[in-house]
PDB file of N, CA and C in Angstrom:
ATOM      1  N   MET A   1      50.041 -18.759   1.131  1.00  0.00           N
ATOM      2  CA  MET A   1      50.684 -17.625   0.269  1.00  0.00           C
ATOM      3  C   MET A   1      52.008 -17.315   1.114  1.00  0.00           C
ATOM      4  N   ASN A   2      53.044 -17.077   0.503  1.00  0.00           N
ATOM      5  CA  ASN A   2      54.547 -16.764   1.405  1.00  0.00           C
ATOM      6  C   ASN A   2      54.960 -15.494   0.843  1.00  0.00           C
ATOM      7  N   LEU A   3      54.716 -14.370   1.788  1.00  0.00           N
ATOM      8  CA  LEU A   3      55.012 -13.109   1.631  1.00  0.00           C
ATOM      9  C   LEU A   3      56.462 -12.848   2.443  1.00  0.00           C
ATOM     10  N   ASP A   4      57.126 -11.783   1.481  1.00  0.00           N
ATOM     11  CA  ASP A   4      58.562 -11.778   2.260  1.00  0.00           C
ATOM     12  C   ASP A   4      58.419 -10.454   2.924  1.00  0.00           C
ATOM     13  N   PHE A   5      59.201 -10.526   3.919  1.00  0.00           N
ATOM     14  CA  PHE A   5      58.853  -9.483   5.278  1.00  0.00           C
ATOM     15  C   PHE A   5      59.455  -8.317   4.747  1.00  0.00           C
ATOM     16  N   ASP A   6      60.350  -8.323   3.790  1.00  0.00           N
ATOM     17  CA  ASP A   6      61.195  -7.251   3.195  1.00  0.00           C
ATOM     18  C   ASP A   6      60.407  -6.280   2.425  1.00  0.00           C
ATOM     19  N   LEU A   7      59.461  -7.084   1.728  1.00  0.00           N
ATOM     20  CA  LEU A   7      58.577  -6.220   1.031  1.00  0.00           C
ATOM     21  C   LEU A   7      57.039  -5.702   1.336  1.00  0.00           C
ATOM     22  N   VAL A   8      56.874  -6.297   2.626  1.00  0.00           N
ATOM     23  CA  VAL A   8      55.678  -5.854   3.515  1.00  0.00           C
ATOM     24  C   VAL A   8      56.186  -4.516   4.371  1.00  0.00           C
ATOM     25  N   VAL A   9      57.412  -4.624   4.976  1.00  0.00           N
ATOM     26  CA  VAL A   9      57.692  -3.644   5.811  1.00  0.00           C
ATOM     27  C   VAL A   9      57.506  -2.077   5.359  1.00  0.00           C
ATOM     28  N   PRO A  10      57.679  -1.849   4.177  1.00  0.00           N
ATOM     29  CA  PRO A  10      57.634  -0.433   3.617  1.00  0.00           C
ATOM     30  C   PRO A  10      56.048  -0.113   3.305  1.00  0.00           C
ATOM     31  N   LEU A  11      55.229  -1.088   3.386  1.00  0.00           N
ATOM     32  CA  LEU A  11      53.836  -0.776   3.115  1.00  0.00           C
ATOM     33  C   LEU A  11      53.163  -0.635   4.556  1.00  0.00           C
ATOM     34  N   LEU A  12      53.999  -1.014   5.609  1.00  0.00           N
ATOM     35  CA  LEU A  12      53.284  -0.627   6.973  1.00  0.00           C
ATOM     36  C   LEU A  12      52.720   0.722   7.217  1.00  0.00           C
ATOM     37  N   PRO A  13      53.584   1.846   7.219  1.00  0.00           N
ATOM     38  CA  PRO A  13      53.148   3.138   7.374  1.00  0.00           C
ATOM     39  C   PRO A  13      51.794   3.534   6.414  1.00  0.00           C
ATOM     40  N   LEU A  14      52.016   3.127   5.298  1.00  0.00           N
ATOM     41  CA  LEU A  14      50.665   3.368   4.402  1.00  0.00           C
ATOM     42  C   LEU A  14      49.389   2.730   5.015  1.00  0.00           C
ATOM     43  N   LEU A  15      49.636   1.326   5.548  1.00  0.00           N
ATOM     44  CA  LEU A  15      48.512   0.899   6.257  1.00  0.00           C
ATOM     45  C   LEU A  15      48.151   1.644   7.239  1.00  0.00           C
ATOM     46  N   VAL A  16      48.880   2.207   8.324  1.00  0.00           N
ATOM     47  CA  VAL A  16      48.626   2.663   9.423  1.00  0.00           C
ATOM     48  C   VAL A  16      47.804   3.891   9.108  1.00  0.00           C
ATOM     49  N   LEU A  17      48.232   4.803   8.014  1.00  0.00           N
ATOM     50  CA  LEU A  17      47.648   5.906   7.392  1.00  0.00           C
ATOM     51  C   LEU A  17      46.051   5.622   7.076  1.00  0.00           C
ATOM     52  N   LEU A  18      46.179   4.581   6.247  1.00  0.00           N
ATOM     53  CA  LEU A  18      44.535   4.125   5.939  1.00  0.00           C
ATOM     54  C   LEU A  18      43.786   3.779   6.900  1.00  0.00           C
ATOM     55  N   ILE A  19      44.179   3.060   8.039  1.00  0.00           N
ATOM     56  CA  ILE A  19      43.443   2.848   9.125  1.00  0.00           C
ATOM     57  C   ILE A  19      43.079   4.233  10.092  1.00  0.00           C
ATOM     58  N   LEU A  20      43.923   5.187  10.047  1.00  0.00           N
ATOM     59  CA  LEU A  20      43.705   6.476  10.697  1.00  0.00           C
ATOM     60  C   LEU A  20      42.803   6.911   9.993  1.00  0.00           C
ATOM     61  N   LEU A  21      42.697   7.182   8.732  1.00  0.00           N
ATOM     62  CA  LEU A  21      42.018   8.081   8.048  1.00  0.00           C
ATOM     63  C   LEU A  21      40.455   7.406   7.909  1.00  0.00           C
ATOM     64  N   LEU A  22      40.333   5.998   7.842  1.00  0.00           N
ATOM     65  CA  LEU A  22      39.004   5.376   8.251  1.00  0.00           C
ATOM     66  C   LEU A  22      38.604   5.568   9.667  1.00  0.00           C
ATOM     67  N   GLY A  23      39.266   5.528  10.459  1.00  0.00           N
ATOM     68  CA  GLY A  23      38.964   5.688  11.851  1.00  0.00           C
ATOM     69  C   GLY A  23      38.445   7.151  12.078  1.00  0.00           C
ATOM     70  N   TRP A  24      39.326   8.124  11.661  1.00  0.00           N
ATOM     71  CA  TRP A  24      38.922   9.463  11.584  1.00  0.00           C
ATOM     72  C   TRP A  24      37.398   9.726  10.821  1.00  0.00           C
ATOM     73  N   CYS A  25      37.121   8.976   9.926  1.00  0.00           N
ATOM     74  CA  CYS A  25      36.140   9.236   9.137  1.00  0.00           C
ATOM     75  C   CYS A  25      34.938   8.669   9.997  1.00  0.00           C
ATOM     76  N   LEU A  26      35.029   7.548  10.500  1.00  0.00           N
ATOM     77  CA  LEU A  26      33.864   6.842  11.131  1.00  0.00           C
ATOM     78  C   LEU A  26      33.468   7.764  12.539  1.00  0.00           C
ATOM     79  N   VAL A  27      34.570   8.130  12.986  1.00  0.00           N
ATOM     80  CA  VAL A  27      34.351   8.746  14.324  1.00  0.00           C
ATOM     81  C   VAL A  27      33.588  10.253  14.081  1.00  0.00           C
ATOM     82  N   ASP A  28      34.078  10.801  12.868  1.00  0.00           N
ATOM     83  CA  ASP A  28      33.451  12.030  12.460  1.00  0.00           C
ATOM     84  C   ASP A  28      31.928  11.905  12.107  1.00  0.00           C
ATOM     85  N   LEU A  29      31.817  10.873  11.522  1.00  0.00           N
ATOM     86  CA  LEU A  29      30.421  10.446  10.951  1.00  0.00           C
ATOM     87  C   LEU A  29      29.511  10.152  12.207  1.00  0.00           C
ATOM     88  N   ILE A  30      29.852   9.371  13.010  1.00  0.00           N
ATOM     89  CA  ILE A  30      29.205   9.137  14.378  1.00  0.00           C
ATOM     90  C   ILE A  30      28.792  10.461  15.075  1.00  0.00           C
ATOM     91  N   ARG A  31      29.873  11.383  15.324  1.00  0.00           N
ATOM     92  CA  ARG A  31      29.452  12.581  15.953  1.00  0.00           C
ATOM     93  C   ARG A  31      28.722  13.608  15.470  1.00  0.00           C
ATOM     94  N   ARG A  32      28.840  13.725  14.098  1.00  0.00           N
ATOM     95  CA  ARG A  32      28.172  14.732  13.291  1.00  0.00           C
ATOM     96  C   ARG A  32      26.612  14.586  13.439  1.00  0.00           C
ATOM     97  N   PRO A  33      25.792  15.748  13.824  1.00  0.00           N
ATOM     98  CA  PRO A  33      24.311  15.549  13.956  1.00  0.00           C
ATOM     99  C   PRO A  33      23.914  15.354  12.601  1.00  0.00           C
ATOM    100  N   GLU A  34      24.350  15.536  11.423  1.00  0.00           N
ATOM    101  CA  GLU A  34      23.457  15.419  10.196  1.00  0.00           C
ATOM    102  C   GLU A  34      24.755  15.349   9.098  1.00  0.00           C
ATOM    103  N   VAL A  35      24.562  14.723   8.181  1.00  0.00           N
ATOM    104  CA  VAL A  35      25.548  14.585   6.898  1.00  0.00           C
ATOM    105  C   VAL A  35      24.363  14.988   5.636  1.00  0.00           C
ATOM    106  N   ARG A  36      25.329  15.267   4.498  1.00  0.00           N
ATOM    107  CA  ARG A  36      24.567  15.490   3.118  1.00  0.00           C
ATOM    108  C   ARG A  36      24.481  14.635   2.179  1.00  0.00           C
ATOM    109  N   TYR A  37      23.670  14.301   1.370  1.00  0.00           N
ATOM    110  CA  TYR A  37      23.324  13.487   0.457  1.00  0.00           C
ATOM    111  C   TYR A  37      22.886  12.112   0.614  1.00  0.00           C
ATOM    112  N   LEU A  38      23.526  11.284   1.589  1.00  0.00           N
ATOM    113  CA  LEU A  38      23.083   9.927   2.044  1.00  0.00           C
ATOM    114  C   LEU A  38      23.046   9.739   3.472  1.00  0.00           C
ATOM    115  N   PRO A  39      22.347   8.792   3.996  1.00  0.00           N
ATOM    116  CA  PRO A  39      22.180   8.472   5.393  1.00  0.00           C
ATOM    117  C   PRO A  39      23.589   8.088   5.816  1.00  0.00           C
ATOM    118  N   LYS A  40      23.735   8.137   7.151  1.00  0.00           N
ATOM    119  CA  LYS A  40      25.130   7.921   7.673  1.00  0.00           C
ATOM    120  C   LYS A  40      25.557   6.402   7.643  1.00  0.00           C
ATOM    121  N   LEU A  41      24.655   5.645   7.485  1.00  0.00           N
ATOM    122  CA  LEU A  41      24.926   4.199   7.248  1.00  0.00           C
ATOM    123  C   LEU A  41      25.394   3.868   6.042  1.00  0.00           C
ATOM    124  N   VAL A  42      24.870   4.483   5.008  1.00  0.00           N
ATOM    125  CA  VAL A  42      25.524   4.445   3.533  1.00  0.00           C
ATOM    126  C   VAL A  42      26.824   5.061   3.480  1.00  0.00           C
ATOM    127  N   TRP A  43      26.915   6.250   4.157  1.00  0.00           N
ATOM    128  CA  TRP A  43      28.313   6.870   4.204  1.00  0.00           C
ATOM    129  C   TRP A  43      29.403   5.806   4.820  1.00  0.00           C
ATOM    130  N   ALA A  44      29.049   5.198   6.095  1.00  0.00           N
ATOM    131  CA  ALA A  44      29.828   4.436   6.609  1.00  0.00           C
ATOM    132  C   ALA A  44      30.208   3.091   5.796  1.00  0.00           C
ATOM    133  N   LEU A  45      29.447   2.394   5.157  1.00  0.00           N
ATOM    134  CA  LEU A  45      29.539   1.413   4.241  1.00  0.00           C
ATOM    135  C   LEU A  45      30.512   1.778   3.106  1.00  0.00           C
ATOM    136  N   ILE A  46      30.116   3.024   2.299  1.00  0.00           N
ATOM    137  CA  ILE A  46      31.139   3.352   1.492  1.00  0.00           C
ATOM    138  C   ILE A  46      32.560   3.584   1.857  1.00  0.00           C
ATOM    139  N   ALA A  47      32.740   4.158   2.960  1.00  0.00           N
ATOM    140  CA  ALA A  47      34.056   4.314   3.588  1.00  0.00           C
ATOM    141  C   ALA A  47      34.615   3.178   4.013  1.00  0.00           C
ATOM    142  N   ILE A  48      33.836   1.976   4.561  1.00  0.00           N
ATOM    143  CA  ILE A  48      34.882   1.195   4.751  1.00  0.00           C
ATOM    144  C   ILE A  48      34.770  -0.139   3.697  1.00  0.00           C
ATOM    145  N   VAL A  49      33.898   0.050   2.481  1.00  0.00           N
ATOM    146  CA  VAL A  49      34.085  -0.982   1.500  1.00  0.00           C
ATOM    147  C   VAL A  49      35.258  -0.273   0.272  1.00  0.00           C
ATOM    148  N   VAL A  50      35.166   1.083   0.143  1.00  0.00           N
ATOM    149  CA  VAL A  50      36.015   1.744  -0.879  1.00  0.00           C
ATOM    150  C   VAL A  50      37.135   2.468  -0.248  1.00  0.00           C
ATOM    151  N   ILE A  51      37.840   1.751   0.535  1.00  0.00           N
ATOM    152  CA  ILE A  51      39.062   2.415   1.182  1.00  0.00           C
ATOM    153  C   ILE A  51      40.229   2.675   0.373  1.00  0.00           C
ATOM    154  N   PRO A  52      40.738   3.973   0.244  1.00  0.00           N
ATOM    155  CA  PRO A  52      40.514   5.269   0.847  1.00  0.00           C
ATOM    156  C   PRO A  52      39.591   6.247   0.298  1.00  0.00           C
ATOM    157  N   PHE A  53      39.119   5.923  -0.721  1.00  0.00           N
ATOM    158  CA  PHE A  53      38.249   6.622  -1.699  1.00  0.00           C
ATOM    159  C   PHE A  53      36.703   7.146  -0.899  1.00  0.00           C
ATOM    160  N   GLY A  54      36.422   5.914  -0.396  1.00  0.00           N
ATOM    161  CA  GLY A  54      35.075   6.350   0.429  1.00  0.00           C
ATOM    162  C   GLY A  54      35.322   7.557   1.521  1.00  0.00           C
ATOM    163  N   ALA A  55      36.244   7.276   2.468  1.00  0.00           N
ATOM    164  CA  ALA A  55      36.521   8.246   3.466  1.00  0.00           C
ATOM    165  C   ALA A  55      36.994   9.907   2.648  1.00  0.00           C
ATOM    166  N   ILE A  56      37.494   9.790   1.712  1.00  0.00           N
ATOM    167  CA  ILE A  56      37.876  11.232   1.099  1.00  0.00           C
ATOM    168  C   ILE A  56      36.560  11.486   0.520  1.00  0.00           C
ATOM    169  N   ALA A  57      35.617  10.884   0.047  1.00  0.00           N
ATOM    170  CA  ALA A  57      34.446  11.046  -0.655  1.00  0.00           C
ATOM    171  C   ALA A  57      33.462  11.809   0.420  1.00  0.00           C
ATOM    172  N   TYR A  58      33.589  11.074   1.484  1.00  0.00           N
ATOM    173  CA  TYR A  58      32.624  11.640   2.831  1.00  0.00           C
ATOM    174  C   TYR A  58      33.221  12.981   3.031  1.00  0.00           C
ATOM    175  N   PHE A  59      34.526  13.111   3.530  1.00  0.00           N
ATOM    176  CA  PHE A  59      34.915  14.495   3.836  1.00  0.00           C
ATOM    177  C   PHE A  59      34.677  15.615   2.700  1.00  0.00           C
ATOM    178  N   ILE A  60      34.864  15.208   1.491  1.00  0.00           N
ATOM    179  CA  ILE A  60      34.496  16.218   0.529  1.00  0.00           C
ATOM    180  C   ILE A  60      33.072  16.499   0.386  1.00  0.00           C
ATOM    181  N   LEU A  61      32.281  15.351   0.001  1.00  0.00           N
ATOM    182  CA  LEU A  61      30.875  15.534  -0.183  1.00  0.00           C
ATOM    183  C   LEU A  61      29.867  15.498   0.924  1.00  0.00           C
ATOM    184  N   GLY A  62      30.098  14.480   1.931  1.00  0.00           N
ATOM    185  CA  GLY A  62      29.225  14.074   3.051  1.00  0.00           C
ATOM    186  C   GLY A  62      29.084  14.955   4.329  1.00  0.00           C
ATOM    187  N   ARG A  63      30.116  15.682   4.489  1.00  0.00           N
ATOM    188  CA  ARG A  63      30.124  16.758   5.772  1.00  0.00           C
ATOM    189  C   ARG A  63      29.580  17.817   5.570  1.00  0.00           C
ATOM    190  N   THR A  64      28.714  18.182   6.212  1.00  0.00           N
ATOM    191  CA  THR A  64      27.983  19.610   6.360  1.00  0.00           C
ATOM    192  C   THR A  64      29.219  20.624   6.356  1.00  0.00           C
ATOM    193  N   SER A  65      28.942  21.807   6.002  1.00  0.00           N
ATOM    194  CA  SER A  65      29.733  22.883   5.980  1.00  0.00           C
ATOM    195  C   SER A  65      29.282  23.856   6.956  1.00  0.00           C
ATOM    196  N   GLU A  66      28.777  23.291   8.220  1.00  0.00           N
ATOM    197  CA  GLU A  66      28.117  24.311   9.244  1.00  0.00           C
ATOM    198  C   GLU A  66      29.514  24.525  10.155  1.00  0.00           C
ATOM    199  N   ALA A  67      28.868  25.268  11.300  1.00  0.00           N
ATOM    200  CA  ALA A  67      29.992  25.461  12.209  1.00  0.00           C
ATOM    201  C   ALA A  67      30.627  24.271  12.764  1.00  0.00           C
ATOM    202  N   PRO A  68      31.761  24.578  13.307  1.00  0.00           N
ATOM    203  CA  PRO A  68      32.503  23.309  13.738  1.00  0.00           C
ATOM    204  C   PRO A  68      31.644  22.791  15.027  1.00  0.00           C
ATOM    205  N   LEU A  69      32.000  21.273  15.555  1.00  0.00           N
ATOM    206  CA  LEU A  69      31.371  20.982  16.430  1.00  0.00           C
ATOM    207  C   LEU A  69      31.666  21.550  17.826  1.00  0.00           C
ATOM    208  N   ARG A  70      30.433  21.401  18.445  1.00  0.00           N
ATOM    209  CA  ARG A  70      30.641  22.091  19.963  1.00  0.00           C
ATOM    210  C   ARG A  70      30.501  20.871  20.654  1.00  0.00           C
ATOM    211  N   ASP A  71      30.886  21.112  22.258  1.00  0.00           N
ATOM    212  CA  ASP A  71      30.758  20.301  23.038  1.00  0.00           C
ATOM    213  C   ASP A  71      29.368  19.628  23.295  1.00  0.00           C
ATOM    214  N   GLU A  72      28.139  20.495  23.164  1.00  0.00           N
ATOM    215  CA  GLU A  72      26.873  19.985  23.357  1.00  0.00           C
ATOM    216  C   GLU A  72      26.544  19.032  22.150  1.00  0.00           C
ATOM    217  N   ASP A  73      27.164  19.158  21.011  1.00  0.00           N
ATOM    218  CA  ASP A  73      26.970  18.210  20.063  1.00  0.00           C
ATOM    219  C   ASP A  73      27.471  16.776  20.242  1.00  0.00           C
ATOM    220  N   LEU A  74      28.507  16.661  21.040  1.00  0.00           N
ATOM    221  CA  LEU A  74      29.191  15.074  21.457  1.00  0.00           C
ATOM    222  C   LEU A  74      28.403  14.481  22.520  1.00  0.00           C
ATOM    223  N   ARG A  75      27.435  15.233  23.225  1.00  0.00           N
ATOM    224  CA  ARG A  75      26.786  14.609  24.285  1.00  0.00           C
ATOM    225  C   ARG A  75      25.522  14.019  23.964  1.00  0.00           C
TER     226      ARG A  75
END
């Protein structure tokens, strides 16, 4: 497959944003004590397989609406 470099360069910022969104989602998922509707492993699989809609769905549906994370939650 021959990709023209001039066509790929404009897509790099979008790729970086997608990777950051996925990373943020997975880190938040790991640190959060509990999530809604599905187990954490299922949310992680959805976020990875259905990029970026899985991560967006997790942030809208899966996160608990409790108080923000404290330092004790992260240890």
